[in-house]
Amino acid sequence: MADPDDAMHVTTTEARAGSTPGVTRYVLGISLVLIIAIFAFLILR
């Protein structure tokens, strides 16, 4: 059994356990533009 006081060292890739394609920044950007457009439409109508 592992000693609970031992520090565990893993690389960033091992900790993530997968790839990070970077799609989130596009989803957030598109969502932000859509929200601003919807609010502008509601205010200006």
C-alpha atoms as a PDB file:
ATOM      1  CA  MET A   1       0.000   0.000   0.000  1.00  0.00           C
ATOM      2  CA  ALA A   2       1.260   3.475  -0.857  1.00  0.00           C
ATOM      3  CA  ASP A   3       2.389   5.807   1.888  1.00  0.00           C
ATOM      4  CA  PRO A   4      -0.129   8.694   2.159  1.00  0.00           C
ATOM      5  CA  ASP A   5       2.716  11.102   3.013  1.00  0.00           C
ATOM      6  CA  ASP A   6       4.517  10.397  -0.283  1.00  0.00           C
ATOM      7  CA  ALA A   7       4.109  13.109  -2.896  1.00  0.00           C
ATOM      8  CA  MET A   8       2.752  11.957  -6.229  1.00  0.00           C
ATOM      9  CA  HIS A   9       4.354  13.537  -9.302  1.00  0.00           C
ATOM     10  CA  VAL A  10       2.630  13.290 -12.667  1.00  0.00           C
ATOM     11  CA  THR A  11       3.040  15.284 -15.843  1.00  0.00           C
ATOM     12  CA  THR A  12       0.373  17.690 -17.069  1.00  0.00           C
ATOM     13  CA  THR A  13      -0.646  15.315 -19.854  1.00  0.00           C
ATOM     14  CA  GLU A  14      -1.001  12.401 -17.468  1.00  0.00           C
ATOM     15  CA  ALA A  15      -3.070  14.489 -15.065  1.00  0.00           C
ATOM     16  CA  ARG A  16      -5.429  15.569 -17.863  1.00  0.00           C
ATOM     17  CA  ALA A  17      -5.703  12.030 -19.192  1.00  0.00           C
ATOM     18  CA  GLY A  18      -6.427  13.237 -22.697  1.00  0.00           C
ATOM     19  CA  SER A  19      -5.907  15.858 -25.320  1.00  0.00           C
ATOM     20  CA  THR A  20      -7.079  19.460 -25.225  1.00  0.00           C
ATOM     21  CA  PRO A  21      -8.140  20.477 -28.723  1.00  0.00           C
ATOM     22  CA  GLY A  22      -8.988  24.080 -27.762  1.00  0.00           C
ATOM     23  CA  VAL A  23     -12.583  24.016 -28.989  1.00  0.00           C
ATOM     24  CA  THR A  24     -13.806  25.706 -25.799  1.00  0.00           C
ATOM     25  CA  ARG A  25     -12.429  29.118 -26.770  1.00  0.00           C
ATOM     26  CA  TYR A  26     -14.423  29.025 -30.029  1.00  0.00           C
ATOM     27  CA  VAL A  27     -17.628  27.992 -28.262  1.00  0.00           C
ATOM     28  CA  LEU A  28     -17.214  30.775 -25.694  1.00  0.00           C
ATOM     29  CA  GLY A  29     -16.455  33.366 -28.364  1.00  0.00           C
ATOM     30  CA  ILE A  30     -19.430  32.423 -30.534  1.00  0.00           C
ATOM     31  CA  SER A  31     -21.725  32.341 -27.510  1.00  0.00           C
ATOM     32  CA  LEU A  32     -20.573  35.788 -26.416  1.00  0.00           C
ATOM     33  CA  VAL A  33     -21.229  37.251 -29.872  1.00  0.00           C
ATOM     34  CA  LEU A  34     -24.689  35.654 -29.999  1.00  0.00           C
ATOM     35  CA  ILE A  35     -25.638  36.966 -26.551  1.00  0.00           C
ATOM     36  CA  ILE A  36     -24.547  40.493 -27.468  1.00  0.00           C
ATOM     37  CA  ALA A  37     -26.516  40.315 -30.732  1.00  0.00           C
ATOM     38  CA  ILE A  38     -29.647  39.073 -28.939  1.00  0.00           C
ATOM     39  CA  PHE A  39     -29.418  41.807 -26.290  1.00  0.00           C
ATOM     40  CA  ALA A  40     -28.858  44.471 -28.962  1.00  0.00           C
ATOM     41  CA  PHE A  41     -31.903  43.211 -30.877  1.00  0.00           C
ATOM     42  CA  LEU A  42     -34.065  43.265 -27.741  1.00  0.00           C
ATOM     43  CA  ILE A  43     -32.968  46.765 -26.758  1.00  0.00           C
ATOM     44  CA  LEU A  44     -33.270  48.300 -30.241  1.00  0.00           C
ATOM     45  CA  ARG A  45     -36.574  46.801 -31.304  1.00  0.00           C
END
